[in-house]
Amino acid sequence: MAATFRFMGSPIKSIAFGFRNAGTMIRQTAATATKSYSSSSSTSQQQEQSPDDEFSLSLLDGDQEGIAVMSMRRFRYKNAMGRNLIKKFLDSMEEVKFNSKIRVVVLRSEVPGVFCAGADLKERLTMSPQEVGAFLAKLRHSVSEFHNLPIPTIAALDGSALGGGLELALACDLRTAASNAKIGLVETGLAIIPGGGGTQRLPRIIGPSKAKELIFTSRVMDGWQALEMGVVNHCVEQNDGGDAAYQRAMKLAEEILPNGPIALRMAKAAINRGVEVELESGMRFEEAYYAQVIPTKDRMEGLLAFKEKRKPKYNGH
């Protein structure tokens, strides 16, 4: 059966990935959303939750149509990334890849005070060395797949994002954080190193020197400190509902939503490819991706809307 999902904002369509082929849909209003962070609700969900209920993909309606919300909801284990959660995460990405109506993705947690606790170390204790290697390969693959999604992605950090949890957020294009979030790559304190891309993505975001400082010290930052270091794009004071970063991420998604969907994809590709090479090669990437927007109907719609002094209506063609 489909799980009950609670999101702030407009009505949504929710898909439980244990039954993704069934396409089970439910709709909820903002009135029910306020219950998602209540302690009694969380306790009940922890007791009753099935493995199929650990992750959801929700497609928003109305003025927010085009925004997809990926929600981690492994309550008992604080969204620790075990085999099952990773599978659900990969399933959701397949849904996003082949849905041309989705223009931006927001990744958040429904677990109060936690974004993602990183890898499930308790589950890892039961693994052989060979199984650990296979698990880490699957974890890296899932994070890389998310990084490579062709549309803009935003991580909303309303709680702890440590180790693999932060690595997952670093795979997003943008990050918002609540002031009370706990953020850091803490692996060296466990005598290991970040294994989900942290040693590569963090220096590309904030520079090698700052990245080394954070990784060498295993420092845990709050939201404001993460903003100062450049790890997140926005920080907001936490609200009574515990979802301030999610609300800020949604506003950011709404700013992105009206823009040309093909242009957004090409801009992301040009930036991601360009930062890996020297400037001259990067300029050639930009030229190649710009060429792909020239023949689109959306480009002509943008010019006509400008001429007619109205808002453009882009269809992704």
C-alpha atoms as a PDB file:
ATOM      1  CA  MET A   1       0.000   0.000   0.000  1.00  0.00           C
ATOM      2  CA  ALA A   2       1.141   3.577  -0.565  1.00  0.00           C
ATOM      3  CA  ALA A   3       2.554   5.478   2.382  1.00  0.00           C
ATOM      4  CA  THR A   4       1.129   8.738   3.685  1.00  0.00           C
ATOM      5  CA  PHE A   5       3.464  11.587   2.797  1.00  0.00           C
ATOM      6  CA  ARG A   6       3.297  15.050   4.270  1.00  0.00           C
ATOM      7  CA  PHE A   7       4.750  18.045   2.478  1.00  0.00           C
ATOM      8  CA  MET A   8       4.336  21.765   2.914  1.00  0.00           C
ATOM      9  CA  GLY A   9       3.042  23.716  -0.076  1.00  0.00           C
ATOM     10  CA  SER A  10       0.598  22.878  -2.813  1.00  0.00           C
ATOM     11  CA  PRO A  11      -1.131  19.514  -3.273  1.00  0.00           C
ATOM     12  CA  ILE A  12       1.163  16.771  -4.495  1.00  0.00           C
ATOM     13  CA  LYS A  13       1.190  13.421  -6.195  1.00  0.00           C
ATOM     14  CA  SER A  14       3.183  10.877  -4.184  1.00  0.00           C
ATOM     15  CA  ILE A  15       4.748   7.680  -5.448  1.00  0.00           C
ATOM     16  CA  ALA A  16       5.801   4.894  -3.070  1.00  0.00           C
ATOM     17  CA  PHE A  17       8.768   3.230  -4.692  1.00  0.00           C
ATOM     18  CA  GLY A  18       8.090  -0.189  -3.312  1.00  0.00           C
ATOM     19  CA  PHE A  19       5.212  -0.136  -5.809  1.00  0.00           C
ATOM     20  CA  ARG A  20       6.531   2.209  -8.501  1.00  0.00           C
ATOM     21  CA  ASN A  21       4.989   0.192 -11.340  1.00  0.00           C
ATOM     22  CA  ALA A  22       1.548   0.408  -9.778  1.00  0.00           C
ATOM     23  CA  GLY A  23       1.714   4.201  -9.954  1.00  0.00           C
ATOM     24  CA  THR A  24      -0.253   4.618  -6.720  1.00  0.00           C
ATOM     25  CA  MET A  25      -1.110   8.301  -6.296  1.00  0.00           C
ATOM     26  CA  ILE A  26      -2.433  10.276  -3.369  1.00  0.00           C
ATOM     27  CA  ARG A  27      -3.174  13.947  -2.890  1.00  0.00           C
ATOM     28  CA  GLN A  28      -2.799  15.972   0.268  1.00  0.00           C
ATOM     29  CA  THR A  29      -3.315  19.593   1.181  1.00  0.00           C
ATOM     30  CA  ALA A  30      -1.139  21.891   3.245  1.00  0.00           C
ATOM     31  CA  ALA A  31      -3.479  21.358   6.198  1.00  0.00           C
ATOM     32  CA  THR A  32      -2.170  17.832   6.689  1.00  0.00           C
ATOM     33  CA  ALA A  33       1.428  18.863   6.075  1.00  0.00           C
ATOM     34  CA  THR A  34       1.821  20.505   9.458  1.00  0.00           C
ATOM     35  CA  LYS A  35       1.623  17.112  11.136  1.00  0.00           C
ATOM     36  CA  SER A  36       4.813  15.753   9.573  1.00  0.00           C
ATOM     37  CA  TYR A  37       7.135  16.896  12.308  1.00  0.00           C
ATOM     38  CA  SER A  38       5.005  16.079  15.360  1.00  0.00           C
ATOM     39  CA  SER A  39       6.666  13.740  17.829  1.00  0.00           C
ATOM     40  CA  SER A  40       3.656  11.417  18.052  1.00  0.00           C
ATOM     41  CA  SER A  41       3.541  11.059  14.260  1.00  0.00           C
ATOM     42  CA  SER A  42       7.272  10.358  14.099  1.00  0.00           C
ATOM     43  CA  THR A  43       7.042   7.695  16.812  1.00  0.00           C
ATOM     44  CA  SER A  44       4.170   5.983  15.030  1.00  0.00           C
ATOM     45  CA  GLN A  45       6.030   6.051  11.713  1.00  0.00           C
ATOM     46  CA  GLN A  46       9.133   4.553  13.330  1.00  0.00           C
ATOM     47  CA  GLN A  47       7.097   1.672  14.736  1.00  0.00           C
ATOM     48  CA  GLU A  48       5.035   0.953  11.622  1.00  0.00           C
ATOM     49  CA  GLN A  49       7.384   1.826   8.770  1.00  0.00           C
ATOM     50  CA  SER A  50       8.121  -0.805   6.151  1.00  0.00           C
ATOM     51  CA  PRO A  51      11.239  -0.883   3.928  1.00  0.00           C
ATOM     52  CA  ASP A  52       9.091   0.212   0.975  1.00  0.00           C
ATOM     53  CA  ASP A  53       8.284   3.432   2.822  1.00  0.00           C
ATOM     54  CA  GLU A  54      11.853   4.755   3.282  1.00  0.00           C
ATOM     55  CA  PHE A  55      11.906   7.070   0.265  1.00  0.00           C
ATOM     56  CA  SER A  56       9.364   8.933  -1.842  1.00  0.00           C
ATOM     57  CA  LEU A  57       9.217  11.021  -4.986  1.00  0.00           C
ATOM     58  CA  SER A  58       6.470  13.647  -5.086  1.00  0.00           C
ATOM     59  CA  LEU A  59       5.413  15.678  -8.126  1.00  0.00           C
ATOM     60  CA  LEU A  60       3.867  18.999  -7.144  1.00  0.00           C
ATOM     61  CA  ASP A  61       0.739  20.485  -8.720  1.00  0.00           C
ATOM     62  CA  GLY A  62      -0.616  23.944  -9.390  1.00  0.00           C
ATOM     63  CA  ASP A  63       1.819  26.848  -9.432  1.00  0.00           C
ATOM     64  CA  GLN A  64       4.587  24.459  -8.362  1.00  0.00           C
ATOM     65  CA  GLU A  65       4.050  21.988 -11.199  1.00  0.00           C
ATOM     66  CA  GLY A  66       7.449  20.986 -12.542  1.00  0.00           C
ATOM     67  CA  ILE A  67       9.023  20.674  -9.092  1.00  0.00           C
ATOM     68  CA  ALA A  68       9.787  17.165  -7.847  1.00  0.00           C
ATOM     69  CA  VAL A  69      10.466  16.545  -4.160  1.00  0.00           C
ATOM     70  CA  MET A  70      12.598  13.558  -3.197  1.00  0.00           C
ATOM     71  CA  SER A  71      12.095  12.780   0.467  1.00  0.00           C
ATOM     72  CA  MET A  72      14.161  10.520   2.713  1.00  0.00           C
ATOM     73  CA  ARG A  73      12.033   9.096   5.523  1.00  0.00           C
ATOM     74  CA  ARG A  74      13.947   6.271   7.204  1.00  0.00           C
ATOM     75  CA  PHE A  75      12.846   7.388  10.656  1.00  0.00           C
ATOM     76  CA  ARG A  76      14.291   4.711  12.920  1.00  0.00           C
ATOM     77  CA  TYR A  77      17.761   4.905  11.375  1.00  0.00           C
ATOM     78  CA  LYS A  78      17.908   8.664  10.800  1.00  0.00           C
ATOM     79  CA  ASN A  79      18.118   8.223   7.033  1.00  0.00           C
ATOM     80  CA  ALA A  80      21.339   6.213   7.276  1.00  0.00           C
ATOM     81  CA  MET A  81      22.089   5.039   3.756  1.00  0.00           C
ATOM     82  CA  GLY A  82      21.643   1.290   3.714  1.00  0.00           C
ATOM     83  CA  ARG A  83      21.097  -1.050   0.793  1.00  0.00           C
ATOM     84  CA  ASN A  84      17.339  -0.541   0.660  1.00  0.00           C
ATOM     85  CA  LEU A  85      17.392   3.265   0.840  1.00  0.00           C
ATOM     86  CA  ILE A  86      20.001   3.406  -1.922  1.00  0.00           C
ATOM     87  CA  LYS A  87      17.830   1.179  -4.110  1.00  0.00           C
ATOM     88  CA  LYS A  88      14.802   3.418  -3.589  1.00  0.00           C
ATOM     89  CA  PHE A  89      16.950   6.470  -4.330  1.00  0.00           C
ATOM     90  CA  LEU A  90      18.135   4.963  -7.626  1.00  0.00           C
ATOM     91  CA  ASP A  91      14.559   4.013  -8.523  1.00  0.00           C
ATOM     92  CA  SER A  92      13.428   7.601  -8.005  1.00  0.00           C
ATOM     93  CA  MET A  93      16.176   8.914 -10.266  1.00  0.00           C
ATOM     94  CA  GLU A  94      14.964   6.668 -13.075  1.00  0.00           C
ATOM     95  CA  GLU A  95      11.527   8.259 -12.694  1.00  0.00           C
ATOM     96  CA  VAL A  96      13.029  11.756 -12.856  1.00  0.00           C
ATOM     97  CA  LYS A  97      15.305  11.085 -15.836  1.00  0.00           C
ATOM     98  CA  PHE A  98      12.462  10.067 -18.105  1.00  0.00           C
ATOM     99  CA  ASN A  99       9.869  12.642 -17.042  1.00  0.00           C
ATOM    100  CA  SER A 100      10.321  15.715 -19.223  1.00  0.00           C
ATOM    101  CA  LYS A 101       7.788  17.670 -17.146  1.00  0.00           C
ATOM    102  CA  ILE A 102      10.139  17.785 -14.151  1.00  0.00           C
ATOM    103  CA  ARG A 103      12.265  20.938 -14.227  1.00  0.00           C
ATOM    104  CA  VAL A 104      13.861  21.034 -10.777  1.00  0.00           C
ATOM    105  CA  VAL A 105      14.367  18.546  -7.926  1.00  0.00           C
ATOM    106  CA  VAL A 106      14.387  19.304  -4.197  1.00  0.00           C
ATOM    107  CA  LEU A 107      15.986  16.660  -1.960  1.00  0.00           C
ATOM    108  CA  ARG A 108      14.885  16.798   1.672  1.00  0.00           C
ATOM    109  CA  SER A 109      14.327  14.725   4.800  1.00  0.00           C
ATOM    110  CA  GLU A 110      11.099  14.093   6.673  1.00  0.00           C
ATOM    111  CA  VAL A 111      13.014  12.848   9.722  1.00  0.00           C
ATOM    112  CA  PRO A 112      13.046  15.615  12.363  1.00  0.00           C
ATOM    113  CA  GLY A 113      16.503  17.063  13.012  1.00  0.00           C
ATOM    114  CA  VAL A 114      18.268  14.888  10.443  1.00  0.00           C
ATOM    115  CA  PHE A 115      19.047  15.252   6.750  1.00  0.00           C
ATOM    116  CA  CYS A 116      21.074  12.083   6.369  1.00  0.00           C
ATOM    117  CA  ALA A 117      23.271  10.250   8.876  1.00  0.00           C
ATOM    118  CA  GLY A 118      25.573   8.982   6.128  1.00  0.00           C
ATOM    119  CA  ALA A 119      26.299   5.324   5.494  1.00  0.00           C
ATOM    120  CA  ASP A 120      24.543   2.758   7.677  1.00  0.00           C
ATOM    121  CA  LEU A 121      27.519   1.672   9.795  1.00  0.00           C
ATOM    122  CA  LYS A 122      25.454  -0.869  11.759  1.00  0.00           C
ATOM    123  CA  GLU A 123      24.509  -2.587   8.527  1.00  0.00           C
ATOM    124  CA  ARG A 124      28.131  -2.398   7.398  1.00  0.00           C
ATOM    125  CA  LEU A 125      29.258  -4.318  10.502  1.00  0.00           C
ATOM    126  CA  THR A 126      27.407  -7.339   9.140  1.00  0.00           C
ATOM    127  CA  MET A 127      29.221  -7.178   5.788  1.00  0.00           C
ATOM    128  CA  SER A 128      32.335  -9.017   4.666  1.00  0.00           C
ATOM    129  CA  PRO A 129      35.206  -6.945   3.193  1.00  0.00           C
ATOM    130  CA  GLN A 130      33.999  -7.917  -0.276  1.00  0.00           C
ATOM    131  CA  GLU A 131      30.450  -6.837   0.538  1.00  0.00           C
ATOM    132  CA  VAL A 132      31.720  -3.521   1.911  1.00  0.00           C
ATOM    133  CA  GLY A 133      33.513  -2.884  -1.377  1.00  0.00           C
ATOM    134  CA  ALA A 134      30.391  -3.673  -3.392  1.00  0.00           C
ATOM    135  CA  PHE A 135      28.242  -1.515  -1.107  1.00  0.00           C
ATOM    136  CA  LEU A 136      30.573   1.472  -1.411  1.00  0.00           C
ATOM    137  CA  ALA A 137      30.592   1.100  -5.192  1.00  0.00           C
ATOM    138  CA  LYS A 138      26.769   1.187  -5.194  1.00  0.00           C
ATOM    139  CA  LEU A 139      26.769   4.190  -2.852  1.00  0.00           C
ATOM    140  CA  ARG A 140      29.209   6.110  -5.056  1.00  0.00           C
ATOM    141  CA  HIS A 141      27.182   5.175  -8.114  1.00  0.00           C
ATOM    142  CA  SER A 142      23.951   6.483  -6.587  1.00  0.00           C
ATOM    143  CA  VAL A 143      25.532   9.793  -5.577  1.00  0.00           C
ATOM    144  CA  SER A 144      27.178  10.178  -8.993  1.00  0.00           C
ATOM    145  CA  GLU A 145      23.890   9.411 -10.734  1.00  0.00           C
ATOM    146  CA  PHE A 146      22.244  12.159  -8.705  1.00  0.00           C
ATOM    147  CA  HIS A 147      25.075  14.577  -9.510  1.00  0.00           C
ATOM    148  CA  ASN A 148      24.595  13.761 -13.196  1.00  0.00           C
ATOM    149  CA  LEU A 149      20.854  14.401 -13.320  1.00  0.00           C
ATOM    150  CA  PRO A 150      20.377  16.844 -16.215  1.00  0.00           C
ATOM    151  CA  ILE A 151      18.078  19.216 -14.305  1.00  0.00           C
ATOM    152  CA  PRO A 152      18.831  21.565 -11.372  1.00  0.00           C
ATOM    153  CA  THR A 153      18.865  19.919  -7.937  1.00  0.00           C
ATOM    154  CA  ILE A 154      18.610  21.505  -4.482  1.00  0.00           C
ATOM    155  CA  ALA A 155      19.382  19.884  -1.115  1.00  0.00           C
ATOM    156  CA  ALA A 156      17.484  21.163   1.937  1.00  0.00           C
ATOM    157  CA  LEU A 157      19.466  20.566   5.135  1.00  0.00           C
ATOM    158  CA  ASP A 158      17.079  20.917   8.069  1.00  0.00           C
ATOM    159  CA  GLY A 159      19.222  18.779  10.347  1.00  0.00           C
ATOM    160  CA  SER A 160      22.422  16.796  10.573  1.00  0.00           C
ATOM    161  CA  ALA A 161      24.258  16.143   7.305  1.00  0.00           C
ATOM    162  CA  LEU A 162      27.420  14.326   8.312  1.00  0.00           C
ATOM    163  CA  GLY A 163      29.773  12.135   6.321  1.00  0.00           C
ATOM    164  CA  GLY A 164      27.883  10.472   3.499  1.00  0.00           C
ATOM    165  CA  GLY A 165      24.901  12.703   4.230  1.00  0.00           C
ATOM    166  CA  LEU A 166      26.899  15.788   3.326  1.00  0.00           C
ATOM    167  CA  GLU A 167      28.421  13.994   0.336  1.00  0.00           C
ATOM    168  CA  LEU A 168      24.897  13.440  -0.947  1.00  0.00           C
ATOM    169  CA  ALA A 169      24.119  17.141  -0.507  1.00  0.00           C
ATOM    170  CA  LEU A 170      27.354  18.085  -2.292  1.00  0.00           C
ATOM    171  CA  ALA A 171      26.101  16.159  -5.329  1.00  0.00           C
ATOM    172  CA  CYS A 172      23.287  18.718  -5.619  1.00  0.00           C
ATOM    173  CA  ASP A 173      23.701  21.921  -7.595  1.00  0.00           C
ATOM    174  CA  LEU A 174      22.518  24.103  -4.701  1.00  0.00           C
ATOM    175  CA  ARG A 175      22.164  23.684  -0.946  1.00  0.00           C
ATOM    176  CA  THR A 176      20.057  25.430   1.685  1.00  0.00           C
ATOM    177  CA  ALA A 177      20.593  24.932   5.415  1.00  0.00           C
ATOM    178  CA  ALA A 178      18.803  25.732   8.635  1.00  0.00           C
ATOM    179  CA  SER A 179      20.824  27.576  11.247  1.00  0.00           C
ATOM    180  CA  ASN A 180      20.817  24.588  13.608  1.00  0.00           C
ATOM    181  CA  ALA A 181      21.948  22.032  11.017  1.00  0.00           C
ATOM    182  CA  LYS A 182      25.085  20.010  11.775  1.00  0.00           C
ATOM    183  CA  ILE A 183      27.227  19.760   8.666  1.00  0.00           C
ATOM    184  CA  GLY A 184      30.609  18.126   8.102  1.00  0.00           C
ATOM    185  CA  LEU A 185      32.777  15.440   6.554  1.00  0.00           C
ATOM    186  CA  VAL A 186      33.790  13.606   9.718  1.00  0.00           C
ATOM    187  CA  GLU A 187      35.325  10.444   8.274  1.00  0.00           C
ATOM    188  CA  THR A 188      38.944  11.042   9.331  1.00  0.00           C
ATOM    189  CA  GLY A 189      37.718  10.889  12.929  1.00  0.00           C
ATOM    190  CA  LEU A 190      36.728   7.285  12.171  1.00  0.00           C
ATOM    191  CA  ALA A 191      40.138   6.548  10.614  1.00  0.00           C
ATOM    192  CA  ILE A 192      38.707   6.534   7.076  1.00  0.00           C
ATOM    193  CA  ILE A 193      38.234   9.154   4.362  1.00  0.00           C
ATOM    194  CA  PRO A 194      35.089  10.422   2.627  1.00  0.00           C
ATOM    195  CA  GLY A 195      34.121   7.630   0.246  1.00  0.00           C
ATOM    196  CA  GLY A 196      31.108   9.054  -1.573  1.00  0.00           C
ATOM    197  CA  GLY A 197      32.834  11.773  -3.548  1.00  0.00           C
ATOM    198  CA  GLY A 198      33.534  14.191  -0.702  1.00  0.00           C
ATOM    199  CA  THR A 199      37.262  14.503  -1.399  1.00  0.00           C
ATOM    200  CA  GLN A 200      36.456  15.498  -4.985  1.00  0.00           C
ATOM    201  CA  ARG A 201      33.253  17.536  -4.855  1.00  0.00           C
ATOM    202  CA  LEU A 202      33.975  19.640  -1.765  1.00  0.00           C
ATOM    203  CA  PRO A 203      37.225  21.158  -3.153  1.00  0.00           C
ATOM    204  CA  ARG A 204      35.450  21.893  -6.431  1.00  0.00           C
ATOM    205  CA  ILE A 205      32.820  23.839  -4.497  1.00  0.00           C
ATOM    206  CA  ILE A 206      34.881  25.716  -1.889  1.00  0.00           C
ATOM    207  CA  GLY A 207      38.474  25.268  -3.094  1.00  0.00           C
ATOM    208  CA  PRO A 208      41.201  22.779  -2.096  1.00  0.00           C
ATOM    209  CA  SER A 209      42.556  24.643   0.929  1.00  0.00           C
ATOM    210  CA  LYS A 210      39.203  25.051   2.700  1.00  0.00           C
ATOM    211  CA  ALA A 211      38.216  21.497   1.803  1.00  0.00           C
ATOM    212  CA  LYS A 212      41.421  20.133   3.323  1.00  0.00           C
ATOM    213  CA  GLU A 213      40.802  22.110   6.504  1.00  0.00           C
ATOM    214  CA  LEU A 214      37.294  20.709   6.921  1.00  0.00           C
ATOM    215  CA  ILE A 215      38.285  17.117   6.106  1.00  0.00           C
ATOM    216  CA  PHE A 216      41.544  17.096   8.107  1.00  0.00           C
ATOM    217  CA  THR A 217      39.796  18.468  11.220  1.00  0.00           C
ATOM    218  CA  SER A 218      36.526  16.483  10.900  1.00  0.00           C
ATOM    219  CA  ARG A 219      34.880  19.788  11.740  1.00  0.00           C
ATOM    220  CA  VAL A 220      31.139  19.914  12.329  1.00  0.00           C
ATOM    221  CA  MET A 221      29.623  23.268  11.348  1.00  0.00           C
ATOM    222  CA  ASP A 222      26.249  24.853  11.913  1.00  0.00           C
ATOM    223  CA  GLY A 223      24.338  26.379   9.013  1.00  0.00           C
ATOM    224  CA  TRP A 224      25.853  29.849   9.330  1.00  0.00           C
ATOM    225  CA  GLN A 225      29.396  28.474   9.447  1.00  0.00           C
ATOM    226  CA  ALA A 226      28.679  26.317   6.406  1.00  0.00           C
ATOM    227  CA  LEU A 227      27.429  29.405   4.584  1.00  0.00           C
ATOM    228  CA  GLU A 228      30.583  31.330   5.520  1.00  0.00           C
ATOM    229  CA  MET A 229      32.757  28.497   4.185  1.00  0.00           C
ATOM    230  CA  GLY A 230      30.739  28.330   0.975  1.00  0.00           C
ATOM    231  CA  VAL A 231      29.424  24.806   1.578  1.00  0.00           C
ATOM    232  CA  VAL A 232      25.792  25.974   1.314  1.00  0.00           C
ATOM    233  CA  ASN A 233      24.198  28.709  -0.790  1.00  0.00           C
ATOM    234  CA  HIS A 234      21.665  29.920   1.766  1.00  0.00           C
ATOM    235  CA  CYS A 235      21.145  29.665   5.529  1.00  0.00           C
ATOM    236  CA  VAL A 236      17.935  30.516   7.367  1.00  0.00           C
ATOM    237  CA  GLU A 237      16.871  30.460  11.003  1.00  0.00           C
ATOM    238  CA  GLN A 238      15.060  27.246  11.830  1.00  0.00           C
ATOM    239  CA  ASN A 239      11.292  27.538  12.284  1.00  0.00           C
ATOM    240  CA  ASP A 240       8.888  25.822  14.687  1.00  0.00           C
ATOM    241  CA  GLY A 241       8.010  23.238  12.052  1.00  0.00           C
ATOM    242  CA  GLY A 242      11.632  22.219  11.589  1.00  0.00           C
ATOM    243  CA  ASP A 243      11.556  22.703   7.812  1.00  0.00           C
ATOM    244  CA  ALA A 244      12.978  26.197   7.226  1.00  0.00           C
ATOM    245  CA  ALA A 245      15.667  24.964   4.832  1.00  0.00           C
ATOM    246  CA  TYR A 246      13.042  23.053   2.855  1.00  0.00           C
ATOM    247  CA  GLN A 247      10.868  26.148   2.613  1.00  0.00           C
ATOM    248  CA  ARG A 248      13.877  28.170   1.389  1.00  0.00           C
ATOM    249  CA  ALA A 249      14.714  25.447  -1.128  1.00  0.00           C
ATOM    250  CA  MET A 250      11.154  25.551  -2.433  1.00  0.00           C
ATOM    251  CA  LYS A 251      11.360  29.314  -2.942  1.00  0.00           C
ATOM    252  CA  LEU A 252      14.605  28.807  -4.823  1.00  0.00           C
ATOM    253  CA  ALA A 253      12.971  26.107  -6.953  1.00  0.00           C
ATOM    254  CA  GLU A 254      10.092  28.462  -7.702  1.00  0.00           C
ATOM    255  CA  GLU A 255      12.602  31.061  -8.930  1.00  0.00           C
ATOM    256  CA  ILE A 256      14.103  28.487 -11.294  1.00  0.00           C
ATOM    257  CA  LEU A 257      10.768  27.075 -12.484  1.00  0.00           C
ATOM    258  CA  PRO A 258       9.694  29.825 -14.965  1.00  0.00           C
ATOM    259  CA  ASN A 259      12.915  29.634 -16.991  1.00  0.00           C
ATOM    260  CA  GLY A 260      13.391  27.656 -20.180  1.00  0.00           C
ATOM    261  CA  PRO A 261      13.753  23.951 -19.292  1.00  0.00           C
ATOM    262  CA  ILE A 262      16.066  23.172 -22.208  1.00  0.00           C
ATOM    263  CA  ALA A 263      18.187  26.205 -21.356  1.00  0.00           C
ATOM    264  CA  LEU A 264      18.433  25.043 -17.734  1.00  0.00           C
ATOM    265  CA  ARG A 265      19.672  21.624 -18.836  1.00  0.00           C
ATOM    266  CA  MET A 266      22.191  23.100 -21.257  1.00  0.00           C
ATOM    267  CA  ALA A 267      23.432  25.628 -18.686  1.00  0.00           C
ATOM    268  CA  LYS A 268      23.979  22.879 -16.111  1.00  0.00           C
ATOM    269  CA  ALA A 269      25.818  20.708 -18.630  1.00  0.00           C
ATOM    270  CA  ALA A 270      28.006  23.599 -19.785  1.00  0.00           C
ATOM    271  CA  ILE A 271      28.981  24.521 -16.226  1.00  0.00           C
ATOM    272  CA  ASN A 272      29.603  20.949 -15.087  1.00  0.00           C
ATOM    273  CA  ARG A 273      31.721  20.115 -18.125  1.00  0.00           C
ATOM    274  CA  GLY A 274      33.493  23.463 -18.172  1.00  0.00           C
ATOM    275  CA  VAL A 275      34.787  23.435 -14.606  1.00  0.00           C
ATOM    276  CA  GLU A 276      36.697  20.226 -15.338  1.00  0.00           C
ATOM    277  CA  VAL A 277      38.819  21.736 -18.124  1.00  0.00           C
ATOM    278  CA  GLU A 278      40.831  24.857 -18.933  1.00  0.00           C
ATOM    279  CA  LEU A 279      38.987  28.014 -20.008  1.00  0.00           C
ATOM    280  CA  GLU A 280      39.504  27.596 -23.759  1.00  0.00           C
ATOM    281  CA  SER A 281      37.999  24.103 -23.758  1.00  0.00           C
ATOM    282  CA  GLY A 282      35.228  25.309 -21.469  1.00  0.00           C
ATOM    283  CA  MET A 283      34.321  28.014 -23.973  1.00  0.00           C
ATOM    284  CA  ARG A 284      33.974  25.357 -26.652  1.00  0.00           C
ATOM    285  CA  PHE A 285      31.596  23.436 -24.390  1.00  0.00           C
ATOM    286  CA  GLU A 286      29.549  26.600 -23.927  1.00  0.00           C
ATOM    287  CA  GLU A 287      29.403  27.141 -27.690  1.00  0.00           C
ATOM    288  CA  ALA A 288      28.275  23.557 -28.278  1.00  0.00           C
ATOM    289  CA  TYR A 289      25.514  23.688 -25.660  1.00  0.00           C
ATOM    290  CA  TYR A 290      24.377  27.139 -26.818  1.00  0.00           C
ATOM    291  CA  ALA A 291      23.959  25.702 -30.319  1.00  0.00           C
ATOM    292  CA  GLN A 292      21.427  23.238 -28.926  1.00  0.00           C
ATOM    293  CA  VAL A 293      19.050  25.966 -27.732  1.00  0.00           C
ATOM    294  CA  ILE A 294      19.073  27.959 -30.996  1.00  0.00           C
ATOM    295  CA  PRO A 295      16.573  25.769 -32.922  1.00  0.00           C
ATOM    296  CA  THR A 296      14.129  25.410 -30.002  1.00  0.00           C
ATOM    297  CA  LYS A 297      10.582  26.769 -29.934  1.00  0.00           C
ATOM    298  CA  ASP A 298      11.251  27.979 -26.397  1.00  0.00           C
ATOM    299  CA  ARG A 299      13.926  30.371 -27.652  1.00  0.00           C
ATOM    300  CA  MET A 300      11.453  31.938 -30.089  1.00  0.00           C
ATOM    301  CA  GLU A 301       8.826  32.111 -27.343  1.00  0.00           C
ATOM    302  CA  GLY A 302      11.290  34.005 -25.163  1.00  0.00           C
ATOM    303  CA  LEU A 303      11.957  36.553 -27.907  1.00  0.00           C
ATOM    304  CA  LEU A 304       8.244  37.007 -28.655  1.00  0.00           C
ATOM    305  CA  ALA A 305       7.383  37.394 -24.974  1.00  0.00           C
ATOM    306  CA  PHE A 306      10.077  40.045 -24.617  1.00  0.00           C
ATOM    307  CA  LYS A 307       8.734  41.897 -27.665  1.00  0.00           C
ATOM    308  CA  GLU A 308       5.134  41.660 -26.471  1.00  0.00           C
ATOM    309  CA  LYS A 309       6.055  42.567 -22.877  1.00  0.00           C
ATOM    310  CA  ARG A 310       4.530  39.442 -21.344  1.00  0.00           C
ATOM    311  CA  LYS A 311       5.742  36.451 -19.389  1.00  0.00           C
ATOM    312  CA  PRO A 312       6.982  33.609 -21.594  1.00  0.00           C
ATOM    313  CA  LYS A 313       5.346  30.184 -21.494  1.00  0.00           C
ATOM    314  CA  TYR A 314       7.985  27.525 -22.063  1.00  0.00           C
ATOM    315  CA  ASN A 315       7.104  23.946 -22.973  1.00  0.00           C
ATOM    316  CA  GLY A 316      10.533  22.357 -23.261  1.00  0.00           C
ATOM    317  CA  HIS A 317      10.528  22.182 -27.065  1.00  0.00           C
END
